[in-house]
Amino acid sequence: MTMDRKYEFTWDLLGDIELGRPNLGCTTRLEMYRLLQFTFRDVIEKTVGTQETDRIFYEAGKLAGVEFYRHMMRPTTEVHDFTSQLQEVLRELKIGILRIEDFDLEKGECTLTISEDLDCSGMPETGSEICTYDEGFISALLESFSGIPFYVREVDCWCTGDRTCRFYAKTTPHEKEED
């Protein structure tokens, strides 16, 4: 069965910011980004439950990561060049401050942190990691660079009392955690 789609993503949907916002430009307050994200999350979670919402946000992050890599990064085969580029672009766009703790492509493992991130830095402690969208985003960036699927899980989060978000990526699925 084919589903009619009204808003299939293309980079063109981002629009011509200079034309459309000649006075306000391309920036807005972080509260507005979070208002958008967390109201979407709340409505989706009420509709389909937490687990399905997490899956949707992870997949949305993956789509964003693929498109981000295609439009914002220069292709490279060198790990150092990839990570340096990514650090620079994330900082320039004020998405967050990336630090690579470990990246072993042969083992298929990567540990990284993002400080001052868009999603949760400065939020109250909730007792659970909330950067599911970021997990998908990072997964797609790593796969776009390496050609190898990566599974990403947030292991530390501002909302669990840490002061940076730490992500562990590997080329094999993470073990299912018990709740």
C-alpha atoms as a PDB file:
ATOM      1  CA  MET A   1       0.000   0.000   0.000  1.00  0.00           C
ATOM      2  CA  THR A   2       1.375   3.407  -0.976  1.00  0.00           C
ATOM      3  CA  MET A   3       0.950   6.179   1.544  1.00  0.00           C
ATOM      4  CA  ASP A   4       0.266   9.700   0.306  1.00  0.00           C
ATOM      5  CA  ARG A   5       2.882  12.044   1.696  1.00  0.00           C
ATOM      6  CA  LYS A   6       2.430  15.751   2.111  1.00  0.00           C
ATOM      7  CA  TYR A   7       5.797  16.694   3.614  1.00  0.00           C
ATOM      8  CA  GLU A   8       8.448  14.222   2.485  1.00  0.00           C
ATOM      9  CA  PHE A   9      11.684  15.858   3.560  1.00  0.00           C
ATOM     10  CA  THR A  10      13.957  17.613   1.104  1.00  0.00           C
ATOM     11  CA  TRP A  11      16.582  20.227   1.926  1.00  0.00           C
ATOM     12  CA  ASP A  12      14.476  22.697  -0.076  1.00  0.00           C
ATOM     13  CA  LEU A  13      11.873  22.655   2.721  1.00  0.00           C
ATOM     14  CA  LEU A  14      14.328  24.706   4.780  1.00  0.00           C
ATOM     15  CA  GLY A  15      13.540  27.560   2.401  1.00  0.00           C
ATOM     16  CA  ASP A  16      15.369  30.730   1.479  1.00  0.00           C
ATOM     17  CA  ILE A  17      16.008  32.289   4.887  1.00  0.00           C
ATOM     18  CA  GLU A  18      17.441  35.536   3.493  1.00  0.00           C
ATOM     19  CA  LEU A  19      14.362  36.055   1.331  1.00  0.00           C
ATOM     20  CA  GLY A  20      11.821  35.024   3.948  1.00  0.00           C
ATOM     21  CA  ARG A  21      13.425  36.656   7.012  1.00  0.00           C
ATOM     22  CA  PRO A  22      15.292  39.735   5.764  1.00  0.00           C
ATOM     23  CA  ASN A  23      15.050  41.441   9.168  1.00  0.00           C
ATOM     24  CA  LEU A  24      15.126  38.571  11.648  1.00  0.00           C
ATOM     25  CA  GLY A  25      17.629  36.324   9.859  1.00  0.00           C
ATOM     26  CA  CYS A  26      18.356  32.705  10.670  1.00  0.00           C
ATOM     27  CA  THR A  27      18.551  32.803  14.451  1.00  0.00           C
ATOM     28  CA  THR A  28      15.986  32.406  17.204  1.00  0.00           C
ATOM     29  CA  ARG A  29      16.027  31.726  20.921  1.00  0.00           C
ATOM     30  CA  LEU A  30      16.820  28.243  22.182  1.00  0.00           C
ATOM     31  CA  GLU A  31      13.572  28.194  24.157  1.00  0.00           C
ATOM     32  CA  MET A  32      11.653  28.224  20.861  1.00  0.00           C
ATOM     33  CA  TYR A  33      13.539  25.167  19.553  1.00  0.00           C
ATOM     34  CA  ARG A  34      12.841  23.317  22.806  1.00  0.00           C
ATOM     35  CA  LEU A  35       9.215  24.446  22.812  1.00  0.00           C
ATOM     36  CA  LEU A  36       8.816  22.928  19.334  1.00  0.00           C
ATOM     37  CA  GLN A  37      10.637  19.701  20.197  1.00  0.00           C
ATOM     38  CA  PHE A  38       9.013  18.994  23.540  1.00  0.00           C
ATOM     39  CA  THR A  39       5.467  19.877  22.509  1.00  0.00           C
ATOM     40  CA  PHE A  40       5.833  17.547  19.513  1.00  0.00           C
ATOM     41  CA  ARG A  41       7.247  14.892  21.826  1.00  0.00           C
ATOM     42  CA  ASP A  42       4.402  15.310  24.323  1.00  0.00           C
ATOM     43  CA  VAL A  43       1.634  15.048  21.705  1.00  0.00           C
ATOM     44  CA  ILE A  44       3.277  12.093  19.934  1.00  0.00           C
ATOM     45  CA  GLU A  45       3.872  10.295  23.247  1.00  0.00           C
ATOM     46  CA  LYS A  46       0.221  10.757  24.269  1.00  0.00           C
ATOM     47  CA  THR A  47      -0.803   9.328  20.900  1.00  0.00           C
ATOM     48  CA  VAL A  48       1.550   6.361  20.426  1.00  0.00           C
ATOM     49  CA  GLY A  49       3.381   5.863  23.745  1.00  0.00           C
ATOM     50  CA  THR A  50       6.919   6.479  24.939  1.00  0.00           C
ATOM     51  CA  GLN A  51       8.683   3.613  23.149  1.00  0.00           C
ATOM     52  CA  GLU A  52       7.212   4.463  19.742  1.00  0.00           C
ATOM     53  CA  THR A  53       7.925   8.162  20.317  1.00  0.00           C
ATOM     54  CA  ASP A  54      11.567   7.347  21.038  1.00  0.00           C
ATOM     55  CA  ARG A  55      11.709   5.307  17.823  1.00  0.00           C
ATOM     56  CA  ILE A  56      10.187   8.188  15.835  1.00  0.00           C
ATOM     57  CA  PHE A  57      12.607  10.724  17.314  1.00  0.00           C
ATOM     58  CA  TYR A  58      15.586   8.414  16.661  1.00  0.00           C
ATOM     59  CA  GLU A  59      14.500   7.949  13.038  1.00  0.00           C
ATOM     60  CA  ALA A  60      13.915  11.696  12.612  1.00  0.00           C
ATOM     61  CA  GLY A  61      17.407  12.298  13.988  1.00  0.00           C
ATOM     62  CA  LYS A  62      18.802   9.788  11.489  1.00  0.00           C
ATOM     63  CA  LEU A  63      17.098  11.539   8.580  1.00  0.00           C
ATOM     64  CA  ALA A  64      18.425  14.887   9.823  1.00  0.00           C
ATOM     65  CA  GLY A  65      21.929  13.426  10.214  1.00  0.00           C
ATOM     66  CA  VAL A  66      21.978  12.074   6.653  1.00  0.00           C
ATOM     67  CA  GLU A  67      20.825  15.404   5.238  1.00  0.00           C
ATOM     68  CA  PHE A  68      23.154  17.385   7.496  1.00  0.00           C
ATOM     69  CA  TYR A  69      26.132  15.311   6.337  1.00  0.00           C
ATOM     70  CA  ARG A  70      25.145  15.716   2.669  1.00  0.00           C
ATOM     71  CA  HIS A  71      24.671  19.477   2.876  1.00  0.00           C
ATOM     72  CA  MET A  72      26.977  20.689   5.639  1.00  0.00           C
ATOM     73  CA  MET A  73      30.047  18.425   5.499  1.00  0.00           C
ATOM     74  CA  ARG A  74      32.806  17.766   2.985  1.00  0.00           C
ATOM     75  CA  PRO A  75      33.181  14.061   2.169  1.00  0.00           C
ATOM     76  CA  THR A  76      36.343  12.573   3.623  1.00  0.00           C
ATOM     77  CA  THR A  77      37.788   9.167   4.425  1.00  0.00           C
ATOM     78  CA  GLU A  78      39.999  10.375   7.288  1.00  0.00           C
ATOM     79  CA  VAL A  79      38.650  10.057  10.832  1.00  0.00           C
ATOM     80  CA  HIS A  80      40.573  13.117  12.038  1.00  0.00           C
ATOM     81  CA  ASP A  81      39.272  15.267   9.179  1.00  0.00           C
ATOM     82  CA  PHE A  82      35.703  14.071   9.765  1.00  0.00           C
ATOM     83  CA  THR A  83      35.787  14.745  13.510  1.00  0.00           C
ATOM     84  CA  SER A  84      37.506  18.139  13.113  1.00  0.00           C
ATOM     85  CA  GLN A  85      34.988  19.198  10.498  1.00  0.00           C
ATOM     86  CA  LEU A  86      32.080  18.029  12.626  1.00  0.00           C
ATOM     87  CA  GLN A  87      33.400  19.851  15.701  1.00  0.00           C
ATOM     88  CA  GLU A  88      33.746  23.055  13.708  1.00  0.00           C
ATOM     89  CA  VAL A  89      30.300  22.894  12.074  1.00  0.00           C
ATOM     90  CA  LEU A  90      28.475  22.000  15.306  1.00  0.00           C
ATOM     91  CA  ARG A  91      30.180  24.882  17.121  1.00  0.00           C
ATOM     92  CA  GLU A  92      29.650  27.350  14.258  1.00  0.00           C
ATOM     93  CA  LEU A  93      25.937  26.516  14.097  1.00  0.00           C
ATOM     94  CA  LYS A  94      25.740  26.641  17.900  1.00  0.00           C
ATOM     95  CA  ILE A  95      24.407  23.085  18.058  1.00  0.00           C
ATOM     96  CA  GLY A  96      26.916  22.032  20.711  1.00  0.00           C
ATOM     97  CA  ILE A  97      30.547  21.488  21.610  1.00  0.00           C
ATOM     98  CA  LEU A  98      31.691  18.070  20.402  1.00  0.00           C
ATOM     99  CA  ARG A  99      34.529  16.155  22.005  1.00  0.00           C
ATOM    100  CA  ILE A 100      35.641  12.755  20.751  1.00  0.00           C
ATOM    101  CA  GLU A 101      36.740  10.532  23.621  1.00  0.00           C
ATOM    102  CA  ASP A 102      37.459   7.470  21.507  1.00  0.00           C
ATOM    103  CA  PHE A 103      36.914   6.559  17.859  1.00  0.00           C
ATOM    104  CA  ASP A 104      38.152   3.159  16.704  1.00  0.00           C
ATOM    105  CA  LEU A 105      36.707   2.467  13.276  1.00  0.00           C
ATOM    106  CA  GLU A 106      38.341  -0.996  13.125  1.00  0.00           C
ATOM    107  CA  LYS A 107      36.541  -2.033  16.336  1.00  0.00           C
ATOM    108  CA  GLY A 108      33.423  -0.162  15.248  1.00  0.00           C
ATOM    109  CA  GLU A 109      33.215   1.898  18.431  1.00  0.00           C
ATOM    110  CA  CYS A 110      33.001   5.595  19.199  1.00  0.00           C
ATOM    111  CA  THR A 111      32.448   7.512  22.417  1.00  0.00           C
ATOM    112  CA  LEU A 112      31.756  11.233  22.219  1.00  0.00           C
ATOM    113  CA  THR A 113      30.341  14.045  24.259  1.00  0.00           C
ATOM    114  CA  ILE A 114      28.324  17.081  23.285  1.00  0.00           C
ATOM    115  CA  SER A 115      28.303  19.935  25.773  1.00  0.00           C
ATOM    116  CA  GLU A 116      25.979  22.930  25.691  1.00  0.00           C
ATOM    117  CA  ASP A 117      23.725  20.938  23.346  1.00  0.00           C
ATOM    118  CA  LEU A 118      20.420  22.194  22.016  1.00  0.00           C
ATOM    119  CA  ASP A 119      18.274  19.494  23.557  1.00  0.00           C
ATOM    120  CA  CYS A 120      18.939  19.461  27.273  1.00  0.00           C
ATOM    121  CA  SER A 121      21.802  21.571  28.631  1.00  0.00           C
ATOM    122  CA  GLY A 122      20.431  23.583  31.528  1.00  0.00           C
ATOM    123  CA  MET A 123      17.211  21.606  31.867  1.00  0.00           C
ATOM    124  CA  PRO A 124      16.035  20.193  35.199  1.00  0.00           C
ATOM    125  CA  GLU A 125      16.999  16.672  36.183  1.00  0.00           C
ATOM    126  CA  THR A 126      14.344  14.189  35.055  1.00  0.00           C
ATOM    127  CA  GLY A 127      16.138  10.968  35.925  1.00  0.00           C
ATOM    128  CA  SER A 128      16.322   9.756  32.325  1.00  0.00           C
ATOM    129  CA  GLU A 129      18.284  10.479  29.181  1.00  0.00           C
ATOM    130  CA  ILE A 130      16.245  12.497  26.693  1.00  0.00           C
ATOM    131  CA  CYS A 131      18.512  13.029  23.687  1.00  0.00           C
ATOM    132  CA  THR A 132      16.945  10.316  21.521  1.00  0.00           C
ATOM    133  CA  TYR A 133      16.865  12.598  18.463  1.00  0.00           C
ATOM    134  CA  ASP A 134      20.610  13.194  18.946  1.00  0.00           C
ATOM    135  CA  GLU A 135      21.240   9.436  19.064  1.00  0.00           C
ATOM    136  CA  GLY A 136      19.732   9.073  15.599  1.00  0.00           C
ATOM    137  CA  PHE A 137      21.529  12.185  14.334  1.00  0.00           C
ATOM    138  CA  ILE A 138      24.926  10.880  15.489  1.00  0.00           C
ATOM    139  CA  SER A 139      24.165   7.407  14.112  1.00  0.00           C
ATOM    140  CA  ALA A 140      23.526   8.842  10.643  1.00  0.00           C
ATOM    141  CA  LEU A 141      26.608  11.088  10.742  1.00  0.00           C
ATOM    142  CA  LEU A 142      28.847   8.144  11.613  1.00  0.00           C
ATOM    143  CA  GLU A 143      27.261   5.934   8.959  1.00  0.00           C
ATOM    144  CA  SER A 144      27.386   8.670   6.323  1.00  0.00           C
ATOM    145  CA  PHE A 145      31.097   9.112   7.018  1.00  0.00           C
ATOM    146  CA  SER A 146      32.086   5.450   7.303  1.00  0.00           C
ATOM    147  CA  GLY A 147      29.511   3.599   5.216  1.00  0.00           C
ATOM    148  CA  ILE A 148      28.941   1.352   8.243  1.00  0.00           C
ATOM    149  CA  PRO A 149      25.711   1.422  10.299  1.00  0.00           C
ATOM    150  CA  PHE A 150      26.265   2.581  13.871  1.00  0.00           C
ATOM    151  CA  TYR A 151      23.881   2.105  16.797  1.00  0.00           C
ATOM    152  CA  VAL A 152      24.054   5.010  19.223  1.00  0.00           C
ATOM    153  CA  ARG A 153      22.926   5.181  22.824  1.00  0.00           C
ATOM    154  CA  GLU A 154      23.148   8.111  25.201  1.00  0.00           C
ATOM    155  CA  VAL A 155      24.846   6.967  28.406  1.00  0.00           C
ATOM    156  CA  ASP A 156      25.108  10.303  30.283  1.00  0.00           C
ATOM    157  CA  CYS A 157      22.749  13.272  30.028  1.00  0.00           C
ATOM    158  CA  TRP A 158      22.292  16.668  31.661  1.00  0.00           C
ATOM    159  CA  CYS A 159      18.848  15.440  32.705  1.00  0.00           C
ATOM    160  CA  THR A 160      20.375  12.572  34.701  1.00  0.00           C
ATOM    161  CA  GLY A 161      22.699  14.894  36.613  1.00  0.00           C
ATOM    162  CA  ASP A 162      25.669  14.905  34.274  1.00  0.00           C
ATOM    163  CA  ARG A 163      26.860  18.182  32.822  1.00  0.00           C
ATOM    164  CA  THR A 164      27.501  16.877  29.336  1.00  0.00           C
ATOM    165  CA  CYS A 165      25.762  14.367  27.105  1.00  0.00           C
ATOM    166  CA  ARG A 166      27.862  11.289  26.362  1.00  0.00           C
ATOM    167  CA  PHE A 167      27.040   8.911  23.555  1.00  0.00           C
ATOM    168  CA  TYR A 168      28.380   5.439  22.887  1.00  0.00           C
ATOM    169  CA  ALA A 169      28.222   4.223  19.304  1.00  0.00           C
ATOM    170  CA  LYS A 170      29.016   0.784  17.981  1.00  0.00           C
ATOM    171  CA  THR A 171      28.414  -1.230  14.854  1.00  0.00           C
ATOM    172  CA  THR A 172      26.415  -3.906  16.651  1.00  0.00           C
ATOM    173  CA  PRO A 173      23.101  -3.247  18.406  1.00  0.00           C
ATOM    174  CA  HIS A 174      23.216  -2.370  22.108  1.00  0.00           C
ATOM    175  CA  GLU A 175      21.879  -4.894  24.570  1.00  0.00           C
ATOM    176  CA  LYS A 176      18.279  -4.230  25.598  1.00  0.00           C
ATOM    177  CA  GLU A 177      18.291  -2.607  29.028  1.00  0.00           C
ATOM    178  CA  GLU A 178      15.924  -3.723  31.753  1.00  0.00           C
ATOM    179  CA  ASP A 179      13.601  -1.023  33.085  1.00  0.00           C
END
